[in-house]
């Protein structure tokens, strides 16, 4: 109980100290300093700045903007996947290259196959030949991925 009474006395004396100092002096001092700083900033800015007018910007014409259509995107992704498959087969034939070092290439092949399949599914009938080539490339990539994961190339 004695300790509690001391705490109460301590907090009461702290309240009396803060209550004795006038709050208007604290806020007035800050307000005065802030007002002076703003006035000084405005005076220096207005004396240093000259008013000049900038010409209005006109519309800029785009040069060299090429928007790819869906068949060209599918064609590019098919070409990239075929290139990755070619690199994969070259490394697979090399006995000095470990299967562990080939695994990252195969993961990229699998990811690119997923992306190509999504993009080629949106092609219409007018691009059926491209869609067939892309689908066959995806099938070849997925087949190689499954063979590798199954362990067909372990000797």
N, C-alpha and C. Protein backbone atom coordinates (compact mmCIF):
# COMPACT_ATOMS: atom_id res chain seq x y z
N UNK A 1 0.81 -1.19 0.00
CA UNK A 1 0.00 0.00 0.00
C UNK A 1 0.85 1.25 0.00
N UNK A 2 1.96 1.19 0.70
CA UNK A 2 2.83 2.35 0.81
C UNK A 2 3.37 2.73 -0.56
N UNK A 3 3.74 1.74 -1.35
CA UNK A 3 4.29 2.01 -2.68
C UNK A 3 3.25 2.64 -3.60
N UNK A 4 2.02 2.23 -3.45
CA UNK A 4 0.96 2.78 -4.29
C UNK A 4 0.74 4.24 -3.97
N UNK A 5 0.74 4.59 -2.71
CA UNK A 5 0.55 5.99 -2.33
C UNK A 5 1.68 6.86 -2.85
N UNK A 6 2.90 6.33 -2.87
CA UNK A 6 4.02 7.10 -3.39
C UNK A 6 3.87 7.34 -4.90
N UNK A 7 3.37 6.36 -5.58
CA UNK A 7 3.15 6.52 -7.03
C UNK A 7 2.11 7.59 -7.27
N UNK A 8 1.04 7.57 -6.51
CA UNK A 8 -0.01 8.57 -6.67
C UNK A 8 0.53 9.96 -6.39
N UNK A 9 1.36 10.09 -5.34
CA UNK A 9 1.94 11.40 -5.02
C UNK A 9 2.85 11.87 -6.15
N UNK A 10 3.60 10.91 -6.74
CA UNK A 10 4.52 11.26 -7.81
C UNK A 10 3.76 11.75 -9.04
N UNK A 11 2.71 11.07 -9.42
CA UNK A 11 1.93 11.49 -10.58
C UNK A 11 1.20 12.78 -10.32
N UNK A 12 0.74 12.98 -9.07
CA UNK A 12 0.08 14.23 -8.75
C UNK A 12 1.05 15.40 -8.83
N UNK A 13 2.28 15.20 -8.36
CA UNK A 13 3.25 16.29 -8.42
C UNK A 13 3.66 16.57 -9.87
N UNK A 14 3.69 15.54 -10.73
CA UNK A 14 4.02 15.75 -12.14
C UNK A 14 2.92 16.56 -12.82
N UNK A 15 1.67 16.26 -12.47
CA UNK A 15 0.55 17.00 -13.05
C UNK A 15 0.60 18.47 -12.64
N UNK A 16 1.00 18.71 -11.39
CA UNK A 16 1.07 20.09 -10.90
C UNK A 16 2.15 20.87 -11.64
N UNK A 17 3.28 20.21 -11.94
CA UNK A 17 4.37 20.90 -12.64
C UNK A 17 3.94 21.27 -14.05
N UNK A 18 3.30 20.33 -14.76
CA UNK A 18 2.87 20.64 -16.12
C UNK A 18 1.69 21.60 -16.11
N UNK A 19 0.88 21.58 -15.06
CA UNK A 19 -0.26 22.48 -15.00
C UNK A 19 0.20 23.91 -14.72
N UNK A 20 1.32 24.10 -14.04
CA UNK A 20 1.80 25.43 -13.70
C UNK A 20 2.36 26.17 -14.91
N UNK A 21 2.91 25.47 -15.90
CA UNK A 21 3.48 26.15 -17.07
C UNK A 21 2.35 26.51 -18.02
N UNK A 22 2.28 27.74 -18.44
CA UNK A 22 1.20 28.14 -19.34
C UNK A 22 1.41 27.53 -20.72
N UNK A 23 0.35 26.95 -21.25
CA UNK A 23 0.41 26.28 -22.54
C UNK A 23 0.43 27.28 -23.69
N UNK A 24 -0.07 28.45 -23.50
CA UNK A 24 -0.11 29.43 -24.57
C UNK A 24 1.28 29.89 -24.95
N UNK A 25 2.20 29.95 -23.98
CA UNK A 25 3.57 30.35 -24.31
C UNK A 25 4.23 29.32 -25.21
N UNK A 26 3.98 28.02 -24.93
CA UNK A 26 4.59 26.97 -25.74
C UNK A 26 4.08 27.03 -27.18
N UNK A 27 2.79 27.11 -27.36
CA UNK A 27 2.24 27.12 -28.70
C UNK A 27 2.52 28.43 -29.40
N UNK A 28 2.54 29.53 -28.66
CA UNK A 28 2.83 30.82 -29.29
C UNK A 28 4.27 30.86 -29.79
N UNK A 29 5.20 30.31 -29.06
CA UNK A 29 6.59 30.31 -29.49
C UNK A 29 6.75 29.49 -30.77
N UNK A 30 6.11 28.36 -30.80
CA UNK A 30 6.19 27.54 -32.01
C UNK A 30 5.51 28.23 -33.18
N UNK A 31 4.35 28.77 -32.94
CA UNK A 31 3.61 29.47 -33.99
C UNK A 31 4.42 30.64 -34.54
N UNK A 32 5.08 31.39 -33.66
CA UNK A 32 5.90 32.52 -34.10
C UNK A 32 7.08 32.05 -34.95
N UNK A 33 7.74 30.98 -34.52
CA UNK A 33 8.88 30.45 -35.27
C UNK A 33 8.44 29.94 -36.64
N UNK A 34 7.30 29.28 -36.67
CA UNK A 34 6.79 28.75 -37.93
C UNK A 34 6.41 29.89 -38.88
N UNK A 35 5.76 30.90 -38.37
CA UNK A 35 5.36 32.05 -39.19
C UNK A 35 6.58 32.76 -39.75
N UNK A 36 7.61 32.94 -38.94
CA UNK A 36 8.82 33.59 -39.42
C UNK A 36 9.51 32.77 -40.50
N UNK A 37 9.53 31.48 -40.34
CA UNK A 37 10.15 30.61 -41.33
C UNK A 37 9.40 30.67 -42.65
N UNK A 38 8.09 30.69 -42.58
CA UNK A 38 7.28 30.77 -43.81
C UNK A 38 7.49 32.10 -44.51
N UNK A 39 7.51 33.16 -43.76
CA UNK A 39 7.70 34.50 -44.34
C UNK A 39 9.07 34.59 -45.00
N UNK A 40 10.11 34.09 -44.34
CA UNK A 40 11.46 34.14 -44.91
C UNK A 40 11.54 33.31 -46.18
N UNK A 41 10.91 32.15 -46.19
CA UNK A 41 10.92 31.30 -47.37
C UNK A 41 10.22 31.98 -48.53
N UNK A 42 9.07 32.59 -48.26
CA UNK A 42 8.32 33.28 -49.31
C UNK A 42 9.12 34.44 -49.88
N UNK A 43 9.81 35.19 -49.02
CA UNK A 43 10.58 36.34 -49.49
C UNK A 43 11.76 35.91 -50.36
N UNK A 44 12.45 34.85 -49.97
CA UNK A 44 13.61 34.40 -50.76
C UNK A 44 13.16 33.79 -52.07
N UNK A 45 12.06 33.07 -52.05
CA UNK A 45 11.58 32.45 -53.28
C UNK A 45 11.12 33.53 -54.26
N UNK A 46 10.41 34.52 -53.79
CA UNK A 46 9.88 35.53 -54.70
C UNK A 46 11.01 36.39 -55.26
N UNK A 47 12.08 36.62 -54.51
CA UNK A 47 13.18 37.43 -55.03
C UNK A 47 14.06 36.64 -55.98
N UNK A 48 14.16 35.32 -55.79
CA UNK A 48 15.02 34.51 -56.64
C UNK A 48 14.34 34.07 -57.92
N UNK A 49 13.03 33.95 -57.89
CA UNK A 49 12.32 33.40 -59.05
C UNK A 49 11.92 34.51 -60.01
N UNK A 50 12.11 34.23 -61.28
CA UNK A 50 11.62 35.12 -62.32
C UNK A 50 10.46 34.41 -63.00
N UNK A 51 9.49 35.17 -63.40
CA UNK A 51 8.36 34.55 -64.05
C UNK A 51 8.65 34.40 -65.53
N UNK A 52 8.62 33.19 -65.99
CA UNK A 52 8.79 32.89 -67.42
C UNK A 52 7.68 31.96 -67.83
N UNK A 53 7.32 32.06 -69.07
CA UNK A 53 6.27 31.21 -69.59
C UNK A 53 6.91 30.14 -70.46
N UNK A 54 6.48 28.93 -70.25
CA UNK A 54 6.97 27.81 -71.05
C UNK A 54 5.98 27.54 -72.17
N UNK A 55 6.47 27.17 -73.34
CA UNK A 55 5.54 26.85 -74.42
C UNK A 55 4.78 25.57 -74.09
N UNK A 56 3.57 25.51 -74.53
CA UNK A 56 2.73 24.35 -74.26
C UNK A 56 3.25 23.15 -75.04
N UNK A 57 3.15 21.99 -74.43
CA UNK A 57 3.59 20.77 -75.08
C UNK A 57 2.53 20.29 -76.04
N UNK A 58 2.98 19.85 -77.19
CA UNK A 58 2.06 19.29 -78.17
C UNK A 58 2.15 17.78 -78.11
N UNK A 59 1.24 17.13 -78.79
CA UNK A 59 1.24 15.67 -78.82
C UNK A 59 2.46 15.18 -79.58
N UNK A 60 3.11 14.19 -79.01
CA UNK A 60 4.30 13.62 -79.64
C UNK A 60 3.89 12.39 -80.44
N UNK A 61 4.37 12.32 -81.65
CA UNK A 61 4.06 11.18 -82.50
C UNK A 61 4.99 10.03 -82.14
N UNK A 62 4.45 8.86 -82.09
CA UNK A 62 5.23 7.67 -81.77
C UNK A 62 5.98 7.21 -83.00
N UNK A 63 7.26 6.94 -82.83
CA UNK A 63 8.04 6.43 -83.95
C UNK A 63 8.49 5.02 -83.65
N UNK A 64 8.29 4.16 -84.58
CA UNK A 64 8.76 2.79 -84.44
C UNK A 64 7.95 1.93 -83.48
N UNK A 65 6.71 2.28 -83.25
CA UNK A 65 5.87 1.48 -82.37
C UNK A 65 5.32 0.31 -83.16
N UNK A 66 5.60 -0.90 -82.68
CA UNK A 66 5.13 -2.10 -83.35
C UNK A 66 4.37 -2.95 -82.35
N UNK A 67 3.11 -3.12 -82.59
CA UNK A 67 2.29 -3.95 -81.73
C UNK A 67 2.20 -5.34 -82.34
N UNK A 68 2.59 -6.34 -81.56
CA UNK A 68 2.58 -7.70 -82.06
C UNK A 68 1.18 -8.28 -81.98
N UNK A 69 0.83 -9.02 -82.99
CA UNK A 69 -0.44 -9.71 -82.95
C UNK A 69 -0.24 -11.11 -82.38
N UNK A 70 -1.30 -11.79 -82.09
CA UNK A 70 -1.22 -13.10 -81.42
C UNK A 70 -0.45 -14.14 -82.23
N UNK A 71 -0.62 -14.24 -83.55
CA UNK A 71 0.17 -15.23 -84.29
C UNK A 71 1.68 -14.99 -84.22
N UNK A 72 2.11 -13.73 -84.22
CA UNK A 72 3.55 -13.48 -84.15
C UNK A 72 4.10 -13.80 -82.76
N UNK A 73 3.29 -13.60 -81.72
CA UNK A 73 3.70 -13.96 -80.36
C UNK A 73 3.87 -15.48 -80.26
N UNK A 74 2.89 -16.22 -80.77
CA UNK A 74 2.94 -17.69 -80.72
C UNK A 74 4.12 -18.19 -81.55
N UNK A 75 4.34 -17.57 -82.69
CA UNK A 75 5.46 -17.98 -83.54
C UNK A 75 6.79 -17.76 -82.83
N UNK A 76 6.95 -16.61 -82.18
CA UNK A 76 8.18 -16.33 -81.45
C UNK A 76 8.40 -17.27 -80.29
N UNK A 77 7.34 -17.57 -79.55
CA UNK A 77 7.47 -18.48 -78.42
C UNK A 77 7.75 -19.91 -78.88
N UNK A 78 7.17 -20.30 -80.00
CA UNK A 78 7.45 -21.63 -80.56
C UNK A 78 8.91 -21.73 -80.97
N UNK A 79 9.41 -20.69 -81.62
CA UNK A 79 10.81 -20.67 -82.03
C UNK A 79 11.74 -20.74 -80.81
N UNK A 80 11.42 -20.01 -79.77
CA UNK A 80 12.24 -20.02 -78.56
C UNK A 80 12.22 -21.39 -77.90
N UNK A 81 11.06 -22.03 -77.84
CA UNK A 81 10.95 -23.36 -77.24
C UNK A 81 11.72 -24.39 -78.06
N UNK A 82 11.66 -24.29 -79.37
CA UNK A 82 12.43 -25.20 -80.22
C UNK A 82 13.93 -25.00 -80.02
N UNK A 83 14.35 -23.76 -79.83
CA UNK A 83 15.77 -23.49 -79.55
C UNK A 83 16.21 -24.10 -78.23
N UNK A 84 15.35 -23.99 -77.20
CA UNK A 84 15.66 -24.60 -75.91
C UNK A 84 15.72 -26.12 -76.00
N UNK A 85 14.82 -26.70 -76.79
CA UNK A 85 14.85 -28.15 -76.98
C UNK A 85 16.11 -28.59 -77.71
N UNK A 86 16.56 -27.78 -78.65
CA UNK A 86 17.80 -28.09 -79.37
C UNK A 86 19.00 -28.04 -78.42
N UNK A 87 19.05 -27.01 -77.58
CA UNK A 87 20.12 -26.90 -76.59
C UNK A 87 20.08 -28.08 -75.62
N UNK A 88 18.89 -28.45 -75.21
CA UNK A 88 18.71 -29.58 -74.30
C UNK A 88 19.22 -30.87 -74.93
N UNK A 89 18.87 -31.12 -76.18
CA UNK A 89 19.30 -32.37 -76.81
C UNK A 89 20.81 -32.40 -77.02
N UNK A 90 21.42 -31.25 -77.31
CA UNK A 90 22.87 -31.18 -77.47
C UNK A 90 23.56 -31.50 -76.15
N UNK A 91 23.07 -30.94 -75.07
CA UNK A 91 23.67 -31.21 -73.75
C UNK A 91 23.42 -32.65 -73.31
N UNK A 92 22.28 -33.19 -73.68
CA UNK A 92 21.94 -34.56 -73.30
C UNK A 92 22.85 -35.57 -74.00
N UNK A 93 23.26 -35.26 -75.23
CA UNK A 93 24.14 -36.14 -75.99
C UNK A 93 25.59 -36.07 -75.50
N UNK A 94 25.96 -34.99 -74.84
CA UNK A 94 27.33 -34.81 -74.38
C UNK A 94 27.52 -35.60 -73.08
N UNK A 95 28.43 -36.61 -73.09
CA UNK A 95 28.62 -37.43 -71.88
C UNK A 95 29.31 -36.67 -70.74
N UNK A 96 29.95 -35.55 -71.04
CA UNK A 96 30.64 -34.80 -70.00
C UNK A 96 29.71 -33.90 -69.19
N UNK A 97 28.51 -33.67 -69.70
CA UNK A 97 27.54 -32.82 -69.02
C UNK A 97 26.68 -33.68 -68.10
N UNK A 98 26.59 -33.27 -66.84
CA UNK A 98 25.80 -34.05 -65.88
C UNK A 98 24.32 -33.75 -66.02
N UNK A 99 23.52 -34.71 -65.62
CA UNK A 99 22.07 -34.51 -65.68
C UNK A 99 21.62 -33.41 -64.71
N UNK A 100 22.37 -33.25 -63.64
CA UNK A 100 22.03 -32.20 -62.67
C UNK A 100 22.17 -30.81 -63.30
N UNK A 101 23.14 -30.62 -64.18
CA UNK A 101 23.30 -29.32 -64.83
C UNK A 101 22.28 -29.10 -65.94
N UNK A 102 21.67 -30.16 -66.40
CA UNK A 102 20.65 -30.05 -67.46
C UNK A 102 19.28 -29.70 -66.87
N UNK A 103 19.05 -30.00 -65.62
CA UNK A 103 17.73 -29.80 -64.99
C UNK A 103 17.20 -28.38 -65.10
N UNK A 104 18.01 -27.32 -64.90
CA UNK A 104 17.45 -25.97 -65.04
C UNK A 104 16.94 -25.65 -66.46
N UNK A 105 17.63 -26.17 -67.46
CA UNK A 105 17.16 -25.96 -68.84
C UNK A 105 15.81 -26.62 -69.03
N UNK A 106 15.67 -27.81 -68.49
CA UNK A 106 14.40 -28.53 -68.62
C UNK A 106 13.26 -27.83 -67.89
N UNK A 107 13.56 -27.19 -66.78
CA UNK A 107 12.53 -26.41 -66.08
C UNK A 107 12.08 -25.23 -66.93
N UNK A 108 13.03 -24.56 -67.58
CA UNK A 108 12.67 -23.45 -68.48
C UNK A 108 11.85 -23.95 -69.65
N UNK A 109 12.19 -25.12 -70.16
CA UNK A 109 11.42 -25.71 -71.26
C UNK A 109 9.99 -25.95 -70.82
N UNK A 110 9.80 -26.49 -69.63
CA UNK A 110 8.46 -26.76 -69.12
C UNK A 110 7.66 -25.48 -68.93
N UNK A 111 8.29 -24.44 -68.38
CA UNK A 111 7.60 -23.16 -68.19
C UNK A 111 7.22 -22.53 -69.53
N UNK A 112 8.13 -22.57 -70.48
CA UNK A 112 7.84 -22.00 -71.80
C UNK A 112 6.75 -22.80 -72.52
N UNK A 113 6.72 -24.10 -72.30
CA UNK A 113 5.67 -24.93 -72.90
C UNK A 113 4.30 -24.54 -72.34
N UNK A 114 4.23 -24.31 -71.04
CA UNK A 114 2.96 -23.87 -70.44
C UNK A 114 2.50 -22.55 -71.05
N UNK A 115 3.43 -21.61 -71.17
CA UNK A 115 3.09 -20.29 -71.71
C UNK A 115 2.66 -20.39 -73.17
N UNK A 116 3.36 -21.21 -73.94
CA UNK A 116 3.02 -21.37 -75.35
C UNK A 116 1.65 -22.02 -75.52
N UNK A 117 1.35 -22.99 -74.69
CA UNK A 117 0.05 -23.65 -74.77
C UNK A 117 -1.09 -22.67 -74.49
N UNK A 118 -0.91 -21.80 -73.50
CA UNK A 118 -1.94 -20.80 -73.19
C UNK A 118 -2.13 -19.83 -74.35
N UNK A 119 -1.02 -19.37 -74.92
CA UNK A 119 -1.13 -18.40 -76.01
C UNK A 119 -1.68 -19.03 -77.29
N UNK A 120 -1.29 -20.26 -77.57
CA UNK A 120 -1.75 -20.88 -78.82
C UNK A 120 -3.21 -21.28 -78.76
N UNK A 121 -3.75 -21.46 -77.57
CA UNK A 121 -5.17 -21.84 -77.46
C UNK A 121 -6.10 -20.73 -77.92
N UNK A 122 -5.61 -19.50 -77.94
CA UNK A 122 -6.46 -18.38 -78.34
C UNK A 122 -6.42 -18.11 -79.85
N UNK A 123 -5.62 -18.88 -80.59
CA UNK A 123 -5.57 -18.69 -82.04
C UNK A 123 -6.85 -19.21 -82.69
N UNK A 124 -7.26 -18.55 -83.76
CA UNK A 124 -8.48 -18.93 -84.45
C UNK A 124 -8.22 -19.94 -85.56
N UNK A 125 -9.26 -20.23 -86.33
CA UNK A 125 -9.17 -21.20 -87.42
C UNK A 125 -8.25 -20.74 -88.54
N UNK A 126 -8.12 -19.42 -88.72
CA UNK A 126 -7.27 -18.91 -89.80
C UNK A 126 -5.79 -19.18 -89.54
N UNK A 127 -5.44 -19.50 -88.30
CA UNK A 127 -4.05 -19.81 -87.93
C UNK A 127 -3.93 -21.25 -87.43
N UNK A 128 -4.70 -22.15 -88.02
CA UNK A 128 -4.72 -23.53 -87.56
C UNK A 128 -3.37 -24.23 -87.74
N UNK A 129 -2.66 -23.93 -88.85
CA UNK A 129 -1.36 -24.57 -89.08
C UNK A 129 -0.36 -24.16 -87.99
N UNK A 130 -0.33 -22.88 -87.65
CA UNK A 130 0.57 -22.41 -86.58
C UNK A 130 0.18 -23.02 -85.24
N UNK A 131 -1.12 -23.14 -85.00
CA UNK A 131 -1.60 -23.73 -83.76
C UNK A 131 -1.17 -25.19 -83.66
N UNK A 132 -1.21 -25.92 -84.78
CA UNK A 132 -0.79 -27.32 -84.79
C UNK A 132 0.70 -27.46 -84.51
N UNK A 133 1.51 -26.59 -85.12
CA UNK A 133 2.96 -26.63 -84.89
C UNK A 133 3.27 -26.32 -83.43
N UNK A 134 2.60 -25.32 -82.87
CA UNK A 134 2.83 -24.95 -81.47
C UNK A 134 2.42 -26.10 -80.55
N UNK A 135 1.30 -26.74 -80.84
CA UNK A 135 0.82 -27.85 -80.01
C UNK A 135 1.79 -29.03 -80.07
N UNK A 136 2.30 -29.33 -81.26
CA UNK A 136 3.27 -30.43 -81.39
C UNK A 136 4.56 -30.11 -80.64
N UNK A 137 4.97 -28.87 -80.67
CA UNK A 137 6.17 -28.46 -79.93
C UNK A 137 5.96 -28.60 -78.43
N UNK A 138 4.78 -28.22 -77.96
CA UNK A 138 4.46 -28.35 -76.54
C UNK A 138 4.44 -29.82 -76.14
N UNK A 139 3.89 -30.67 -76.99
CA UNK A 139 3.84 -32.11 -76.69
C UNK A 139 5.25 -32.69 -76.60
N UNK A 140 6.12 -32.29 -77.53
CA UNK A 140 7.51 -32.77 -77.50
C UNK A 140 8.22 -32.30 -76.23
N UNK A 141 7.99 -31.06 -75.85
CA UNK A 141 8.63 -30.51 -74.65
C UNK A 141 8.13 -31.23 -73.40
N UNK A 142 6.84 -31.44 -73.31
CA UNK A 142 6.28 -32.12 -72.14
C UNK A 142 6.74 -33.58 -72.07
N UNK A 143 6.86 -34.23 -73.22
CA UNK A 143 7.33 -35.61 -73.26
C UNK A 143 8.76 -35.70 -72.72
N UNK A 144 9.62 -34.79 -73.17
CA UNK A 144 11.00 -34.79 -72.69
C UNK A 144 11.06 -34.47 -71.21
N UNK A 145 10.22 -33.57 -70.74
CA UNK A 145 10.19 -33.24 -69.32
C UNK A 145 9.80 -34.47 -68.50
N UNK A 146 8.77 -35.19 -68.93
CA UNK A 146 8.32 -36.38 -68.20
C UNK A 146 9.37 -37.48 -68.23
N UNK A 147 10.03 -37.69 -69.36
CA UNK A 147 11.09 -38.69 -69.46
C UNK A 147 12.22 -38.37 -68.49
N UNK A 148 12.59 -37.09 -68.42
CA UNK A 148 13.68 -36.68 -67.54
C UNK A 148 13.30 -36.87 -66.08
N UNK A 149 12.07 -36.49 -65.74
CA UNK A 149 11.61 -36.61 -64.35
C UNK A 149 11.46 -38.08 -63.95
N UNK A 150 11.09 -38.92 -64.89
CA UNK A 150 10.91 -40.34 -64.62
C UNK A 150 12.26 -41.05 -64.44
N UNK A 151 13.32 -40.47 -65.00
CA UNK A 151 14.63 -41.08 -64.88
C UNK A 151 15.00 -41.95 -66.05
N UNK A 152 14.40 -41.72 -67.22
CA UNK A 152 14.70 -42.52 -68.39
C UNK A 152 16.16 -42.36 -68.86
N UNK A 153 16.82 -41.28 -68.51
CA UNK A 153 18.17 -41.03 -69.00
C UNK A 153 19.25 -41.43 -68.01
N UNK A 154 18.87 -42.04 -66.89
CA UNK A 154 19.85 -42.54 -65.94
C UNK A 154 20.44 -43.84 -66.48
N UNK A 155 21.74 -43.99 -66.39
CA UNK A 155 22.34 -45.21 -66.92
C UNK A 155 22.92 -46.07 -65.82
